Amino acid sequence: MTDMTWFALASTVGGAIAIGIGVLGPGLAMGKAISSALDALARQPEAEKSIMRTLFIGLAMIESLAIYVLVIVLIILFRNPLIAYLTS
């Protein structure tokens, strides 16, 4: 195997590990937010609209973190500055 093949393999494995770790935090945060919202709904069903609106805004903010992780990993995989170093 050439150096370029090893580098591509290492970048792919590194990207997979990074996306796995990077999505772990937002996934746990979403679970906790939904759990807390369901607990709040059970305690105060009359505040459903306010709780749900706040929940969806919070989930959108949490999901944006996972999307940022995906964008960074894709940039690292497809526009890696070290490839120019290895090819020269």
PDB file of N, CA and C in Angstrom:
ATOM      1  N   MET A   1       0.829  -1.185   0.000  1.00  0.00           N
ATOM      2  CA  MET A   1       0.000   0.000   0.000  1.00  0.00           C
ATOM      3  C   MET A   1       0.873   1.248   0.000  1.00  0.00           C
ATOM      4  N   THR A   2       0.403   2.246  -0.703  1.00  0.00           N
ATOM      5  CA  THR A   2       1.164   3.493  -0.783  1.00  0.00           C
ATOM      6  C   THR A   2       0.829   4.381   0.408  1.00  0.00           C
ATOM      7  N   ASP A   3       1.623   5.448   0.526  1.00  0.00           N
ATOM      8  CA  ASP A   3       1.371   6.414   1.598  1.00  0.00           C
ATOM      9  C   ASP A   3       0.013   7.077   1.439  1.00  0.00           C
ATOM     10  N   MET A   4      -0.376   7.336   0.192  1.00  0.00           N
ATOM     11  CA  MET A   4      -1.659   7.981  -0.059  1.00  0.00           C
ATOM     12  C   MET A   4      -2.823   7.084   0.365  1.00  0.00           C
ATOM     13  N   THR A   5      -2.695   5.792   0.147  1.00  0.00           N
ATOM     14  CA  THR A   5      -3.748   4.852   0.547  1.00  0.00           C
ATOM     15  C   THR A   5      -3.876   4.811   2.065  1.00  0.00           C
ATOM     16  N   TRP A   6      -2.751   4.756   2.746  1.00  0.00           N
ATOM     17  CA  TRP A   6      -2.780   4.764   4.205  1.00  0.00           C
ATOM     18  C   TRP A   6      -3.369   6.062   4.739  1.00  0.00           C
ATOM     19  N   PHE A   7      -3.007   7.170   4.095  1.00  0.00           N
ATOM     20  CA  PHE A   7      -3.529   8.463   4.533  1.00  0.00           C
ATOM     21  C   PHE A   7      -5.039   8.540   4.326  1.00  0.00           C
ATOM     22  N   ALA A   8      -5.524   8.060   3.180  1.00  0.00           N
ATOM     23  CA  ALA A   8      -6.968   8.063   2.923  1.00  0.00           C
ATOM     24  C   ALA A   8      -7.692   7.162   3.914  1.00  0.00           C
ATOM     25  N   LEU A   9      -7.111   6.024   4.211  1.00  0.00           N
ATOM     26  CA  LEU A   9      -7.712   5.104   5.176  1.00  0.00           C
ATOM     27  C   LEU A   9      -7.756   5.727   6.570  1.00  0.00           C
ATOM     28  N   ALA A  10      -6.657   6.335   6.981  1.00  0.00           N
ATOM     29  CA  ALA A  10      -6.604   6.971   8.298  1.00  0.00           C
ATOM     30  C   ALA A  10      -7.581   8.145   8.383  1.00  0.00           C
ATOM     31  N   SER A  11      -7.709   8.919   7.307  1.00  0.00           N
ATOM     32  CA  SER A  11      -8.655  10.038   7.303  1.00  0.00           C
ATOM     33  C   SER A  11     -10.087   9.549   7.417  1.00  0.00           C
ATOM     34  N   THR A  12     -10.399   8.476   6.723  1.00  0.00           N
ATOM     35  CA  THR A  12     -11.758   7.934   6.774  1.00  0.00           C
ATOM     36  C   THR A  12     -12.086   7.391   8.158  1.00  0.00           C
ATOM     37  N   VAL A  13     -11.169   6.641   8.729  1.00  0.00           N
ATOM     38  CA  VAL A  13     -11.394   6.101  10.076  1.00  0.00           C
ATOM     39  C   VAL A  13     -11.471   7.238  11.093  1.00  0.00           C
ATOM     40  N   GLY A  14     -10.593   8.211  10.966  1.00  0.00           N
ATOM     41  CA  GLY A  14     -10.632   9.361  11.868  1.00  0.00           C
ATOM     42  C   GLY A  14     -11.929  10.140  11.743  1.00  0.00           C
ATOM     43  N   GLY A  15     -12.417  10.308  10.516  1.00  0.00           N
ATOM     44  CA  GLY A  15     -13.690  10.993  10.315  1.00  0.00           C
ATOM     45  C   GLY A  15     -14.851  10.234  10.924  1.00  0.00           C
ATOM     46  N   ALA A  16     -14.842   8.906  10.775  1.00  0.00           N
ATOM     47  CA  ALA A  16     -15.912   8.090  11.361  1.00  0.00           C
ATOM     48  C   ALA A  16     -15.903   8.169  12.883  1.00  0.00           C
ATOM     49  N   ILE A  17     -14.731   8.132  13.465  1.00  0.00           N
ATOM     50  CA  ILE A  17     -14.629   8.242  14.929  1.00  0.00           C
ATOM     51  C   ILE A  17     -15.061   9.632  15.389  1.00  0.00           C
ATOM     52  N   ALA A  18     -14.649  10.661  14.642  1.00  0.00           N
ATOM     53  CA  ALA A  18     -15.006  12.037  15.010  1.00  0.00           C
ATOM     54  C   ALA A  18     -16.510  12.259  14.952  1.00  0.00           C
ATOM     55  N   ILE A  19     -17.162  11.747  13.911  1.00  0.00           N
ATOM     56  CA  ILE A  19     -18.614  11.940  13.820  1.00  0.00           C
ATOM     57  C   ILE A  19     -19.323  11.150  14.910  1.00  0.00           C
ATOM     58  N   GLY A  20     -18.792   9.982  15.255  1.00  0.00           N
ATOM     59  CA  GLY A  20     -19.390   9.198  16.331  1.00  0.00           C
ATOM     60  C   GLY A  20     -19.308   9.894  17.673  1.00  0.00           C
ATOM     61  N   ILE A  21     -18.153  10.444  17.972  1.00  0.00           N
ATOM     62  CA  ILE A  21     -17.972  11.153  19.243  1.00  0.00           C
ATOM     63  C   ILE A  21     -18.713  12.484  19.225  1.00  0.00           C
ATOM     64  N   GLY A  22     -18.676  13.160  18.073  1.00  0.00           N
ATOM     65  CA  GLY A  22     -19.313  14.474  17.979  1.00  0.00           C
ATOM     66  C   GLY A  22     -20.824  14.429  18.056  1.00  0.00           C
ATOM     67  N   VAL A  23     -21.432  13.333  17.688  1.00  0.00           N
ATOM     68  CA  VAL A  23     -22.887  13.221  17.727  1.00  0.00           C
ATOM     69  C   VAL A  23     -23.350  12.645  19.062  1.00  0.00           C
ATOM     70  N   LEU A  24     -22.443  12.089  19.816  1.00  0.00           N
ATOM     71  CA  LEU A  24     -22.797  11.511  21.106  1.00  0.00           C
ATOM     72  C   LEU A  24     -23.348  12.568  22.071  1.00  0.00           C
ATOM     73  N   GLY A  25     -22.698  13.711  22.155  1.00  0.00           N
ATOM     74  CA  GLY A  25     -23.147  14.781  23.055  1.00  0.00           C
ATOM     75  C   GLY A  25     -24.522  15.316  22.706  1.00  0.00           C
ATOM     76  N   PRO A  26     -24.742  15.734  21.443  1.00  0.00           N
ATOM     77  CA  PRO A  26     -26.082  16.202  21.089  1.00  0.00           C
ATOM     78  C   PRO A  26     -27.165  15.130  21.254  1.00  0.00           C
ATOM     79  N   GLY A  27     -26.824  13.874  20.993  1.00  0.00           N
ATOM     80  CA  GLY A  27     -27.807  12.805  21.175  1.00  0.00           C
ATOM     81  C   GLY A  27     -28.229  12.656  22.635  1.00  0.00           C
ATOM     82  N   LEU A  28     -27.261  12.707  23.522  1.00  0.00           N
ATOM     83  CA  LEU A  28     -27.575  12.635  24.953  1.00  0.00           C
ATOM     84  C   LEU A  28     -28.353  13.863  25.411  1.00  0.00           C
ATOM     85  N   ALA A  29     -27.986  15.032  24.879  1.00  0.00           N
ATOM     86  CA  ALA A  29     -28.691  16.260  25.253  1.00  0.00           C
ATOM     87  C   ALA A  29     -30.140  16.232  24.769  1.00  0.00           C
ATOM     88  N   MET A  30     -30.360  15.705  23.563  1.00  0.00           N
ATOM     89  CA  MET A  30     -31.737  15.601  23.058  1.00  0.00           C
ATOM     90  C   MET A  30     -32.570  14.667  23.928  1.00  0.00           C
ATOM     91  N   GLY A  31     -31.995  13.555  24.315  1.00  0.00           N
ATOM     92  CA  GLY A  31     -32.712  12.627  25.178  1.00  0.00           C
ATOM     93  C   GLY A  31     -33.077  13.249  26.510  1.00  0.00           C
ATOM     94  N   LYS A  32     -32.146  13.989  27.087  1.00  0.00           N
ATOM     95  CA  LYS A  32     -32.418  14.645  28.367  1.00  0.00           C
ATOM     96  C   LYS A  32     -33.472  15.740  28.217  1.00  0.00           C
ATOM     97  N   ALA A  33     -33.412  16.495  27.109  1.00  0.00           N
ATOM     98  CA  ALA A  33     -34.385  17.565  26.885  1.00  0.00           C
ATOM     99  C   ALA A  33     -35.788  16.996  26.704  1.00  0.00           C
ATOM    100  N   ILE A  34     -35.908  15.937  25.933  1.00  0.00           N
ATOM    101  CA  ILE A  34     -37.220  15.335  25.717  1.00  0.00           C
ATOM    102  C   ILE A  34     -37.751  14.726  27.010  1.00  0.00           C
ATOM    103  N   SER A  35     -36.884  14.086  27.763  1.00  0.00           N
ATOM    104  CA  SER A  35     -37.296  13.512  29.043  1.00  0.00           C
ATOM    105  C   SER A  35     -37.799  14.599  29.993  1.00  0.00           C
ATOM    106  N   SER A  36     -37.074  15.700  30.046  1.00  0.00           N
ATOM    107  CA  SER A  36     -37.492  16.793  30.926  1.00  0.00           C
ATOM    108  C   SER A  36     -38.799  17.425  30.453  1.00  0.00           C
ATOM    109  N   ALA A  37     -38.978  17.536  29.138  1.00  0.00           N
ATOM    110  CA  ALA A  37     -40.214  18.107  28.609  1.00  0.00           C
ATOM    111  C   ALA A  37     -41.404  17.206  28.920  1.00  0.00           C
ATOM    112  N   LEU A  38     -41.232  15.893  28.795  1.00  0.00           N
ATOM    113  CA  LEU A  38     -42.319  14.981  29.119  1.00  0.00           C
ATOM    114  C   LEU A  38     -42.649  15.022  30.610  1.00  0.00           C
ATOM    115  N   ASP A  39     -41.621  15.167  31.436  1.00  0.00           N
ATOM    116  CA  ASP A  39     -41.843  15.303  32.880  1.00  0.00           C
ATOM    117  C   ASP A  39     -42.614  16.590  33.181  1.00  0.00           C
ATOM    118  N   ALA A  40     -42.242  17.674  32.521  1.00  0.00           N
ATOM    119  CA  ALA A  40     -42.942  18.941  32.726  1.00  0.00           C
ATOM    120  C   ALA A  40     -44.382  18.865  32.229  1.00  0.00           C
ATOM    121  N   LEU A  41     -44.607  18.179  31.116  1.00  0.00           N
ATOM    122  CA  LEU A  41     -45.972  18.016  30.604  1.00  0.00           C
ATOM    123  C   LEU A  41     -46.829  17.178  31.551  1.00  0.00           C
ATOM    124  N   ALA A  42     -46.214  16.188  32.181  1.00  0.00           N
ATOM    125  CA  ALA A  42     -46.962  15.370  33.135  1.00  0.00           C
ATOM    126  C   ALA A  42     -47.350  16.171  34.373  1.00  0.00           C
ATOM    127  N   ARG A  43     -46.516  17.107  34.755  1.00  0.00           N
ATOM    128  CA  ARG A  43     -46.799  17.917  35.946  1.00  0.00           C
ATOM    129  C   ARG A  43     -47.766  19.049  35.658  1.00  0.00           C
ATOM    130  N   GLN A  44     -47.626  19.686  34.464  1.00  0.00           N
ATOM    131  CA  GLN A  44     -48.463  20.825  34.105  1.00  0.00           C
ATOM    132  C   GLN A  44     -48.984  20.672  32.679  1.00  0.00           C
ATOM    133  N   PRO A  45     -50.036  19.908  32.482  1.00  0.00           N
ATOM    134  CA  PRO A  45     -50.544  19.707  31.122  1.00  0.00           C
ATOM    135  C   PRO A  45     -51.103  20.986  30.496  1.00  0.00           C
ATOM    136  N   GLU A  46     -51.513  21.940  31.304  1.00  0.00           N
ATOM    137  CA  GLU A  46     -52.064  23.182  30.753  1.00  0.00           C
ATOM    138  C   GLU A  46     -50.998  24.067  30.113  1.00  0.00           C
ATOM    139  N   ALA A  47     -49.735  23.833  30.398  1.00  0.00           N
ATOM    140  CA  ALA A  47     -48.640  24.622  29.820  1.00  0.00           C
ATOM    141  C   ALA A  47     -48.037  23.933  28.604  1.00  0.00           C
ATOM    142  N   GLU A  48     -48.835  23.107  27.936  1.00  0.00           N
ATOM    143  CA  GLU A  48     -48.309  22.296  26.830  1.00  0.00           C
ATOM    144  C   GLU A  48     -47.734  23.148  25.697  1.00  0.00           C
ATOM    145  N   LYS A  49     -48.432  24.185  25.286  1.00  0.00           N
ATOM    146  CA  LYS A  49     -47.967  24.994  24.147  1.00  0.00           C
ATOM    147  C   LYS A  49     -46.622  25.645  24.440  1.00  0.00           C
ATOM    148  N   SER A  50     -46.487  26.200  25.618  1.00  0.00           N
ATOM    149  CA  SER A  50     -45.235  26.861  25.987  1.00  0.00           C
ATOM    150  C   SER A  50     -44.085  25.863  26.084  1.00  0.00           C
ATOM    151  N   ILE A  51     -44.352  24.730  26.688  1.00  0.00           N
ATOM    152  CA  ILE A  51     -43.309  23.704  26.852  1.00  0.00           C
ATOM    153  C   ILE A  51     -42.881  23.159  25.493  1.00  0.00           C
ATOM    154  N   MET A  52     -43.856  22.858  24.640  1.00  0.00           N
ATOM    155  CA  MET A  52     -43.525  22.283  23.330  1.00  0.00           C
ATOM    156  C   MET A  52     -42.758  23.276  22.456  1.00  0.00           C
ATOM    157  N   ARG A  53     -43.165  24.536  22.492  1.00  0.00           N
ATOM    158  CA  ARG A  53     -42.460  25.557  21.699  1.00  0.00           C
ATOM    159  C   ARG A  53     -41.008  25.682  22.157  1.00  0.00           C
ATOM    160  N   THR A  54     -40.806  25.743  23.453  1.00  0.00           N
ATOM    161  CA  THR A  54     -39.452  25.843  23.987  1.00  0.00           C
ATOM    162  C   THR A  54     -38.647  24.579  23.684  1.00  0.00           C
ATOM    163  N   LEU A  55     -39.305  23.421  23.752  1.00  0.00           N
ATOM    164  CA  LEU A  55     -38.629  22.157  23.456  1.00  0.00           C
ATOM    165  C   LEU A  55     -38.144  22.132  22.009  1.00  0.00           C
ATOM    166  N   PHE A  56     -38.999  22.513  21.070  1.00  0.00           N
ATOM    167  CA  PHE A  56     -38.607  22.456  19.659  1.00  0.00           C
ATOM    168  C   PHE A  56     -37.495  23.445  19.330  1.00  0.00           C
ATOM    169  N   ILE A  57     -37.515  24.613  19.950  1.00  0.00           N
ATOM    170  CA  ILE A  57     -36.421  25.569  19.736  1.00  0.00           C
ATOM    171  C   ILE A  57     -35.119  25.005  20.308  1.00  0.00           C
ATOM    172  N   GLY A  58     -35.193  24.411  21.486  1.00  0.00           N
ATOM    173  CA  GLY A  58     -34.003  23.806  22.091  1.00  0.00           C
ATOM    174  C   GLY A  58     -33.475  22.638  21.280  1.00  0.00           C
ATOM    175  N   LEU A  59     -34.374  21.794  20.768  1.00  0.00           N
ATOM    176  CA  LEU A  59     -33.937  20.664  19.942  1.00  0.00           C
ATOM    177  C   LEU A  59     -33.286  21.141  18.653  1.00  0.00           C
ATOM    178  N   ALA A  60     -33.790  22.220  18.084  1.00  0.00           N
ATOM    179  CA  ALA A  60     -33.169  22.761  16.868  1.00  0.00           C
ATOM    180  C   ALA A  60     -31.758  23.263  17.159  1.00  0.00           C
ATOM    181  N   MET A  61     -31.577  23.898  18.294  1.00  0.00           N
ATOM    182  CA  MET A  61     -30.240  24.375  18.666  1.00  0.00           C
ATOM    183  C   MET A  61     -29.293  23.200  18.910  1.00  0.00           C
ATOM    184  N   ILE A  62     -29.778  22.167  19.559  1.00  0.00           N
ATOM    185  CA  ILE A  62     -28.938  20.988  19.816  1.00  0.00           C
ATOM    186  C   ILE A  62     -28.590  20.292  18.505  1.00  0.00           C
ATOM    187  N   GLU A  63     -29.560  20.176  17.614  1.00  0.00           N
ATOM    188  CA  GLU A  63     -29.323  19.514  16.328  1.00  0.00           C
ATOM    189  C   GLU A  63     -28.305  20.277  15.485  1.00  0.00           C
ATOM    190  N   SER A  64     -28.274  21.599  15.641  1.00  0.00           N
ATOM    191  CA  SER A  64     -27.294  22.381  14.878  1.00  0.00           C
ATOM    192  C   SER A  64     -25.864  22.000  15.273  1.00  0.00           C
ATOM    193  N   LEU A  65     -25.645  21.608  16.507  1.00  0.00           N
ATOM    194  CA  LEU A  65     -24.307  21.160  16.915  1.00  0.00           C
ATOM    195  C   LEU A  65     -23.892  19.906  16.162  1.00  0.00           C
ATOM    196  N   ALA A  66     -24.825  18.983  16.001  1.00  0.00           N
ATOM    197  CA  ALA A  66     -24.519  17.758  15.255  1.00  0.00           C
ATOM    198  C   ALA A  66     -24.253  18.070  13.784  1.00  0.00           C
ATOM    199  N   ILE A  67     -24.979  19.030  13.236  1.00  0.00           N
ATOM    200  CA  ILE A  67     -24.757  19.415  11.837  1.00  0.00           C
ATOM    201  C   ILE A  67     -23.388  20.072  11.686  1.00  0.00           C
ATOM    202  N   TYR A  68     -22.973  20.881  12.654  1.00  0.00           N
ATOM    203  CA  TYR A  68     -21.641  21.489  12.606  1.00  0.00           C
ATOM    204  C   TYR A  68     -20.560  20.415  12.621  1.00  0.00           C
ATOM    205  N   VAL A  69     -20.746  19.390  13.435  1.00  0.00           N
ATOM    206  CA  VAL A  69     -19.783  18.286  13.475  1.00  0.00           C
ATOM    207  C   VAL A  69     -19.696  17.613  12.111  1.00  0.00           C
ATOM    208  N   LEU A  70     -20.841  17.367  11.498  1.00  0.00           N
ATOM    209  CA  LEU A  70     -20.866  16.740  10.179  1.00  0.00           C
ATOM    210  C   LEU A  70     -20.145  17.599   9.144  1.00  0.00           C
ATOM    211  N   VAL A  71     -20.375  18.894   9.158  1.00  0.00           N
ATOM    212  CA  VAL A  71     -19.723  19.794   8.196  1.00  0.00           C
ATOM    213  C   VAL A  71     -18.211  19.792   8.388  1.00  0.00           C
ATOM    214  N   ILE A  72     -17.758  19.856   9.616  1.00  0.00           N
ATOM    215  CA  ILE A  72     -16.314  19.862   9.888  1.00  0.00           C
ATOM    216  C   ILE A  72     -15.670  18.560   9.421  1.00  0.00           C
ATOM    217  N   VAL A  73     -16.329  17.432   9.705  1.00  0.00           N
ATOM    218  CA  VAL A  73     -15.779  16.140   9.288  1.00  0.00           C
ATOM    219  C   VAL A  73     -15.735  16.041   7.764  1.00  0.00           C
ATOM    220  N   LEU A  74     -16.764  16.526   7.089  1.00  0.00           N
ATOM    221  CA  LEU A  74     -16.753  16.499   5.625  1.00  0.00           C
ATOM    222  C   LEU A  74     -15.659  17.393   5.053  1.00  0.00           C
ATOM    223  N   ILE A  75     -15.416  18.526   5.682  1.00  0.00           N
ATOM    224  CA  ILE A  75     -14.325  19.398   5.238  1.00  0.00           C
ATOM    225  C   ILE A  75     -12.990  18.695   5.417  1.00  0.00           C
ATOM    226  N   ILE A  76     -12.814  18.034   6.541  1.00  0.00           N
ATOM    227  CA  ILE A  76     -11.553  17.321   6.787  1.00  0.00           C
ATOM    228  C   ILE A  76     -11.367  16.184   5.788  1.00  0.00           C
ATOM    229  N   LEU A  77     -12.453  15.474   5.484  1.00  0.00           N
ATOM    230  CA  LEU A  77     -12.330  14.345   4.569  1.00  0.00           C
ATOM    231  C   LEU A  77     -12.081  14.770   3.122  1.00  0.00           C
ATOM    232  N   PHE A  78     -12.806  15.783   2.654  1.00  0.00           N
ATOM    233  CA  PHE A  78     -12.758  16.090   1.227  1.00  0.00           C
ATOM    234  C   PHE A  78     -11.875  17.279   0.864  1.00  0.00           C
ATOM    235  N   ARG A  79     -11.469  18.079   1.815  1.00  0.00           N
ATOM    236  CA  ARG A  79     -10.586  19.209   1.521  1.00  0.00           C
ATOM    237  C   ARG A  79      -9.441  19.228   2.521  1.00  0.00           C
ATOM    238  N   ASN A  80      -8.799  18.102   2.615  1.00  0.00           N
ATOM    239  CA  ASN A  80      -7.711  17.936   3.584  1.00  0.00           C
ATOM    240  C   ASN A  80      -6.446  18.614   3.062  1.00  0.00           C
ATOM    241  N   PRO A  81      -5.897  19.561   3.805  1.00  0.00           N
ATOM    242  CA  PRO A  81      -4.699  20.254   3.337  1.00  0.00           C
ATOM    243  C   PRO A  81      -3.453  19.369   3.317  1.00  0.00           C
ATOM    244  N   LEU A  82      -3.457  18.248   4.014  1.00  0.00           N
ATOM    245  CA  LEU A  82      -2.287  17.391   4.032  1.00  0.00           C
ATOM    246  C   LEU A  82      -2.135  16.567   2.768  1.00  0.00           C
ATOM    247  N   ILE A  83      -3.206  16.470   1.968  1.00  0.00           N
ATOM    248  CA  ILE A  83      -3.100  15.710   0.726  1.00  0.00           C
ATOM    249  C   ILE A  83      -2.112  16.380  -0.218  1.00  0.00           C
ATOM    250  N   ALA A  84      -2.117  17.707  -0.285  1.00  0.00           N
ATOM    251  CA  ALA A  84      -1.165  18.414  -1.131  1.00  0.00           C
ATOM    252  C   ALA A  84       0.273  18.149  -0.661  1.00  0.00           C
ATOM    253  N   TYR A  85       0.459  18.027   0.642  1.00  0.00           N
ATOM    254  CA  TYR A  85       1.789  17.741   1.173  1.00  0.00           C
ATOM    255  C   TYR A  85       2.258  16.340   0.775  1.00  0.00           C
ATOM    256  N   LEU A  86       1.341  15.374   0.823  1.00  0.00           N
ATOM    257  CA  LEU A  86       1.716  14.006   0.481  1.00  0.00           C
ATOM    258  C   LEU A  86       1.938  13.808  -1.022  1.00  0.00           C
ATOM    259  N   THR A  87       1.214  14.534  -1.851  1.00  0.00           N
ATOM    260  CA  THR A  87       1.365  14.350  -3.289  1.00  0.00           C
ATOM    261  C   THR A  87       2.588  15.069  -3.854  1.00  0.00           C
ATOM    262  N   SER A  88       3.134  16.012  -3.115  1.00  0.00           N
ATOM    263  CA  SER A  88       4.306  16.720  -3.640  1.00  0.00           C
ATOM    264  C   SER A  88       5.622  16.056  -3.227  1.00  0.00           C
TER     265      SER A  88
END
